[in-house]
Structures are given as C-alpha cells and as structure tokens.
Amino acid sequence: MASTPRRPVNPMEAAEALFKPARKQAAPAVERRSPPKVKEMVSIKLDSDVLEHFQNDGPGWQERINDALRAVVDAQKSE
C-alpha cells in the first residue's frame, strides 16, 4: 500500500510549501464619490508655454489654471 508521506522528503519542496502565498479573497470594489466642490490631487501634462503663462504671475498658478478650466466648463454648461 503506497501512501504519501506526511512531510515532504525533498527539503526544497518543504521550503517552497512553507512560502506559498495564502489565498486571500478580494474585497469587493467600493466606489467612493468625493464630496462636491472638493479639490483633488491630480497629475496633468501641460504644454510648457501654457504652464509658463500661468506661472509668470507668481504663486497661485494652480488656482488660475483651475479658474480657467472652470470657465470653460461653465461656458459649456450654458450652451
């Protein structure tokens, strides 16, 4: 009667058996909506001349870009 040993005979197999990743159940994806009018950190690529235009007036250039984009969004909403 052939039975498998309780412990692996090969030490390499024994070591690998110890380090096999445990299976975890994936948590369900939850869509979290941000509150309205909250600014979010994003990464955006802009042409260097566009960036320079907004930065020429000094600090606050990110807010000026946001204001310019807001004006475009508001203009499209009113169409």
Protein backbone atom coordinates (compact mmCIF):
# COMPACT_ATOMS: atom_id res chain seq x y z
CA MET A 1 0.00 0.00 0.00
CA ALA A 2 1.60 3.24 -1.17
CA SER A 3 0.81 6.31 0.84
CA THR A 4 2.24 9.78 0.61
CA PRO A 5 4.47 10.82 3.48
CA ARG A 6 3.14 13.39 5.91
CA ARG A 7 6.22 15.50 5.40
CA PRO A 8 7.88 16.22 2.06
CA VAL A 9 11.03 14.18 1.60
CA ASN A 10 12.74 16.79 -0.55
CA PRO A 11 13.88 19.78 1.60
CA MET A 12 13.42 22.18 -1.34
CA GLU A 13 9.76 21.14 -1.70
CA ALA A 14 9.30 21.52 2.05
CA ALA A 15 10.70 25.05 1.97
CA GLU A 16 8.60 26.05 -1.02
CA ALA A 17 5.48 24.64 0.61
CA LEU A 18 6.05 26.95 3.58
CA PHE A 19 6.34 30.04 1.40
CA LYS A 20 3.41 29.52 -0.93
CA PRO A 21 1.19 32.60 -0.83
CA ALA A 22 -2.03 32.28 1.10
CA ARG A 23 -5.14 32.81 -0.95
CA LYS A 24 -7.00 35.90 0.12
CA GLN A 25 -10.44 36.75 -1.03
CA ALA A 26 -10.56 40.03 -2.88
CA ALA A 27 -12.57 42.71 -1.19
CA PRO A 28 -15.48 43.95 -3.26
CA ALA A 29 -14.77 47.16 -5.12
CA VAL A 30 -16.40 50.12 -3.45
CA GLU A 31 -16.95 53.26 -5.44
CA ARG A 32 -16.33 56.24 -3.23
CA ARG A 33 -17.61 59.52 -4.50
CA SER A 34 -15.88 62.65 -3.37
CA PRO A 35 -17.96 65.41 -1.84
CA PRO A 36 -18.90 68.18 -4.27
CA LYS A 37 -16.57 71.18 -4.61
CA VAL A 38 -13.60 69.34 -3.11
CA LYS A 39 -10.29 69.72 -4.90
CA GLU A 40 -8.48 66.53 -5.76
CA MET A 41 -4.78 65.95 -6.31
CA VAL A 42 -4.16 65.01 -9.96
CA SER A 43 -1.25 64.78 -12.33
CA ILE A 44 -1.67 66.53 -15.67
CA LYS A 45 0.63 67.16 -18.59
CA LEU A 46 0.56 70.71 -19.98
CA ASP A 47 2.49 72.33 -22.79
CA SER A 48 5.46 74.22 -21.41
CA ASP A 49 4.27 77.56 -22.83
CA VAL A 50 0.85 77.14 -21.22
CA LEU A 51 2.43 76.33 -17.88
CA GLU A 52 4.82 79.26 -18.19
CA HIS A 53 1.89 81.62 -18.93
CA PHE A 54 0.17 80.72 -15.66
CA GLN A 55 3.37 80.65 -13.61
CA ASN A 56 4.53 84.10 -14.82
CA ASP A 57 2.14 85.82 -12.40
CA GLY A 58 3.73 84.05 -9.42
CA PRO A 59 2.15 81.92 -6.70
CA GLY A 60 -1.40 80.78 -7.21
CA TRP A 61 -0.84 79.48 -10.73
CA GLN A 62 -2.63 76.22 -9.95
CA GLU A 63 -5.73 78.13 -8.85
CA ARG A 64 -5.56 80.22 -12.03
CA ILE A 65 -5.47 77.06 -14.14
CA ASN A 66 -8.44 75.73 -12.15
CA ASP A 67 -10.32 79.02 -12.71
CA ALA A 68 -9.63 78.88 -16.46
CA LEU A 69 -10.86 75.30 -16.67
CA ARG A 70 -13.91 76.18 -14.55
CA ALA A 71 -14.77 78.99 -17.00
CA VAL A 72 -14.67 76.51 -19.89
CA VAL A 73 -16.88 74.03 -18.02
CA ASP A 74 -19.40 76.75 -17.09
CA ALA A 75 -19.48 78.04 -20.69
CA GLN A 76 -20.22 74.54 -21.99
CA LYS A 77 -22.97 74.04 -19.41
CA SER A 78 -24.72 77.23 -20.50
CA GLU A 79 -24.77 76.19 -24.19
